[in-house]
Amino acid sequence: MGFNCTGCGLCCTQIEKIKRTVHPFGWMQKLVDAFPYGTDVDGACMMLVDGQCSVYEDRPLLCDIERTADEVDIGMSKRQWFEVNYRGCKQLQREAE
């Protein structure tokens, strides 16, 4: 079981919005606070180049859904975590249409 990312990059365009959001889970806020990259004027991650992550193999924990489930006590099953992220992904895709 793995998270089936579509590779659309839409979540990467929302980094500034994610940084401004108050997160209900302390562990999520820690991941956001540890995000090492800045954003461009549109709020996208500065490591997003031509719609692709230029540091994908060494991306931050915030950006790695599967690794987060493995390394952080997120308070839900891996399957539930994937479902939460899948719904968020689909919402971003609907908004982008």
C-alpha atoms as a PDB file:
ATOM      1  CA  MET A   1       0.000   0.000   0.000  1.00  0.00           C
ATOM      2  CA  GLY A   2       1.406   3.349  -0.995  1.00  0.00           C
ATOM      3  CA  PHE A   3       0.049   6.801  -1.581  1.00  0.00           C
ATOM      4  CA  ASN A   4      -0.673   7.209  -5.280  1.00  0.00           C
ATOM      5  CA  CYS A   5       0.479  10.754  -5.934  1.00  0.00           C
ATOM      6  CA  THR A   6      -0.556  12.040  -9.354  1.00  0.00           C
ATOM      7  CA  GLY A   7       2.526  14.256  -9.548  1.00  0.00           C
ATOM      8  CA  CYS A   8       0.417  17.285 -10.486  1.00  0.00           C
ATOM      9  CA  GLY A   9       2.382  19.594  -8.158  1.00  0.00           C
ATOM     10  CA  LEU A  10      -0.726  21.428  -6.925  1.00  0.00           C
ATOM     11  CA  CYS A  11       0.102  20.833  -3.258  1.00  0.00           C
ATOM     12  CA  CYS A  12       3.539  22.363  -3.936  1.00  0.00           C
ATOM     13  CA  THR A  13       1.854  25.552  -5.118  1.00  0.00           C
ATOM     14  CA  GLN A  14       0.126  25.960  -1.733  1.00  0.00           C
ATOM     15  CA  ILE A  15       3.127  26.120   0.598  1.00  0.00           C
ATOM     16  CA  GLU A  16       2.634  29.723   1.689  1.00  0.00           C
ATOM     17  CA  LYS A  17      -1.021  29.001   2.443  1.00  0.00           C
ATOM     18  CA  ILE A  18       0.009  25.925   4.451  1.00  0.00           C
ATOM     19  CA  LYS A  19       2.514  28.033   6.411  1.00  0.00           C
ATOM     20  CA  ARG A  20      -0.207  30.579   7.284  1.00  0.00           C
ATOM     21  CA  THR A  21      -2.698  27.923   8.413  1.00  0.00           C
ATOM     22  CA  VAL A  22      -3.140  27.139  12.093  1.00  0.00           C
ATOM     23  CA  HIS A  23      -2.839  23.363  12.277  1.00  0.00           C
ATOM     24  CA  PRO A  24      -4.911  21.460  14.846  1.00  0.00           C
ATOM     25  CA  PHE A  25      -2.264  18.784  15.347  1.00  0.00           C
ATOM     26  CA  GLY A  26       1.007  19.694  17.058  1.00  0.00           C
ATOM     27  CA  TRP A  27       2.924  17.203  14.933  1.00  0.00           C
ATOM     28  CA  MET A  28       1.656  18.866  11.739  1.00  0.00           C
ATOM     29  CA  GLN A  29       2.699  22.305  12.962  1.00  0.00           C
ATOM     30  CA  LYS A  30       6.182  20.928  13.659  1.00  0.00           C
ATOM     31  CA  LEU A  31       6.421  19.634  10.071  1.00  0.00           C
ATOM     32  CA  VAL A  32       5.301  23.015   8.730  1.00  0.00           C
ATOM     33  CA  ASP A  33       7.738  24.879  10.987  1.00  0.00           C
ATOM     34  CA  ALA A  34      10.581  22.617   9.837  1.00  0.00           C
ATOM     35  CA  PHE A  35       9.890  23.240   6.129  1.00  0.00           C
ATOM     36  CA  PRO A  36      13.305  24.375   4.872  1.00  0.00           C
ATOM     37  CA  TYR A  37      12.420  26.227   1.661  1.00  0.00           C
ATOM     38  CA  GLY A  38      10.962  29.583   0.849  1.00  0.00           C
ATOM     39  CA  THR A  39       8.175  30.370  -1.574  1.00  0.00           C
ATOM     40  CA  ASP A  40       7.859  32.413  -4.719  1.00  0.00           C
ATOM     41  CA  VAL A  41       5.541  35.422  -5.060  1.00  0.00           C
ATOM     42  CA  ASP A  42       2.596  33.111  -5.807  1.00  0.00           C
ATOM     43  CA  GLY A  43       3.162  31.028  -2.651  1.00  0.00           C
ATOM     44  CA  ALA A  44       4.600  27.993  -4.414  1.00  0.00           C
ATOM     45  CA  CYS A  45       7.618  26.149  -3.088  1.00  0.00           C
ATOM     46  CA  MET A  46      10.795  27.594  -4.542  1.00  0.00           C
ATOM     47  CA  MET A  47      11.966  24.038  -5.275  1.00  0.00           C
ATOM     48  CA  LEU A  48       9.122  23.524  -7.763  1.00  0.00           C
ATOM     49  CA  VAL A  49      10.722  23.819 -11.211  1.00  0.00           C
ATOM     50  CA  ASP A  50       8.649  23.451 -14.367  1.00  0.00           C
ATOM     51  CA  GLY A  51       5.898  21.824 -12.298  1.00  0.00           C
ATOM     52  CA  GLN A  52       8.221  19.229 -10.771  1.00  0.00           C
ATOM     53  CA  CYS A  53       9.946  18.996  -7.395  1.00  0.00           C
ATOM     54  CA  SER A  54      13.661  19.542  -7.885  1.00  0.00           C
ATOM     55  CA  VAL A  55      14.471  17.882  -4.534  1.00  0.00           C
ATOM     56  CA  TYR A  56      11.955  15.039  -4.728  1.00  0.00           C
ATOM     57  CA  GLU A  57      14.339  12.288  -3.634  1.00  0.00           C
ATOM     58  CA  ASP A  58      15.338  14.367  -0.587  1.00  0.00           C
ATOM     59  CA  ARG A  59      12.058  16.243  -0.019  1.00  0.00           C
ATOM     60  CA  PRO A  60      11.064  17.474   3.446  1.00  0.00           C
ATOM     61  CA  LEU A  61       8.921  15.273   5.664  1.00  0.00           C
ATOM     62  CA  LEU A  62       5.977  17.658   5.153  1.00  0.00           C
ATOM     63  CA  CYS A  63       6.018  16.695   1.470  1.00  0.00           C
ATOM     64  CA  ASP A  64       6.353  12.942   1.920  1.00  0.00           C
ATOM     65  CA  ILE A  65       2.966  11.501   2.855  1.00  0.00           C
ATOM     66  CA  GLU A  66       4.145   7.917   3.162  1.00  0.00           C
ATOM     67  CA  ARG A  67       7.272   8.711   5.187  1.00  0.00           C
ATOM     68  CA  THR A  68       5.219  10.920   7.522  1.00  0.00           C
ATOM     69  CA  ALA A  69       2.924   7.966   8.229  1.00  0.00           C
ATOM     70  CA  ASP A  70       5.947   5.792   8.958  1.00  0.00           C
ATOM     71  CA  GLU A  71       7.956   8.241  11.092  1.00  0.00           C
ATOM     72  CA  VAL A  72       5.410  10.419  12.923  1.00  0.00           C
ATOM     73  CA  ASP A  73       2.759   9.431  15.451  1.00  0.00           C
ATOM     74  CA  ILE A  74      -0.103  10.929  13.456  1.00  0.00           C
ATOM     75  CA  GLY A  75      -2.878   9.402  15.552  1.00  0.00           C
ATOM     76  CA  MET A  76      -4.512   7.472  12.714  1.00  0.00           C
ATOM     77  CA  SER A  77      -3.835   4.468  10.546  1.00  0.00           C
ATOM     78  CA  LYS A  78      -1.732   4.783   7.433  1.00  0.00           C
ATOM     79  CA  ARG A  79      -4.827   4.029   5.348  1.00  0.00           C
ATOM     80  CA  GLN A  80      -6.751   6.853   7.067  1.00  0.00           C
ATOM     81  CA  TRP A  81      -3.815   9.247   6.537  1.00  0.00           C
ATOM     82  CA  PHE A  82      -3.698   8.375   2.848  1.00  0.00           C
ATOM     83  CA  GLU A  83      -7.467   8.943   2.571  1.00  0.00           C
ATOM     84  CA  VAL A  84      -7.227  12.369   4.236  1.00  0.00           C
ATOM     85  CA  ASN A  85      -4.478  13.349   1.819  1.00  0.00           C
ATOM     86  CA  TYR A  86      -6.299  11.861  -1.169  1.00  0.00           C
ATOM     87  CA  ARG A  87      -9.373  13.992  -0.377  1.00  0.00           C
ATOM     88  CA  GLY A  88      -7.189  17.091  -0.036  1.00  0.00           C
ATOM     89  CA  CYS A  89      -5.502  16.291  -3.337  1.00  0.00           C
ATOM     90  CA  LYS A  90      -8.835  15.890  -5.130  1.00  0.00           C
ATOM     91  CA  GLN A  91     -10.056  19.195  -3.652  1.00  0.00           C
ATOM     92  CA  LEU A  92      -6.989  21.008  -4.991  1.00  0.00           C
ATOM     93  CA  GLN A  93      -7.560  19.448  -8.405  1.00  0.00           C
ATOM     94  CA  ARG A  94     -11.244  20.539  -8.432  1.00  0.00           C
ATOM     95  CA  GLU A  95     -10.261  24.078  -7.451  1.00  0.00           C
ATOM     96  CA  ALA A  96      -7.662  24.199 -10.238  1.00  0.00           C
ATOM     97  CA  GLU A  97     -10.169  23.246 -12.963  1.00  0.00           C
END
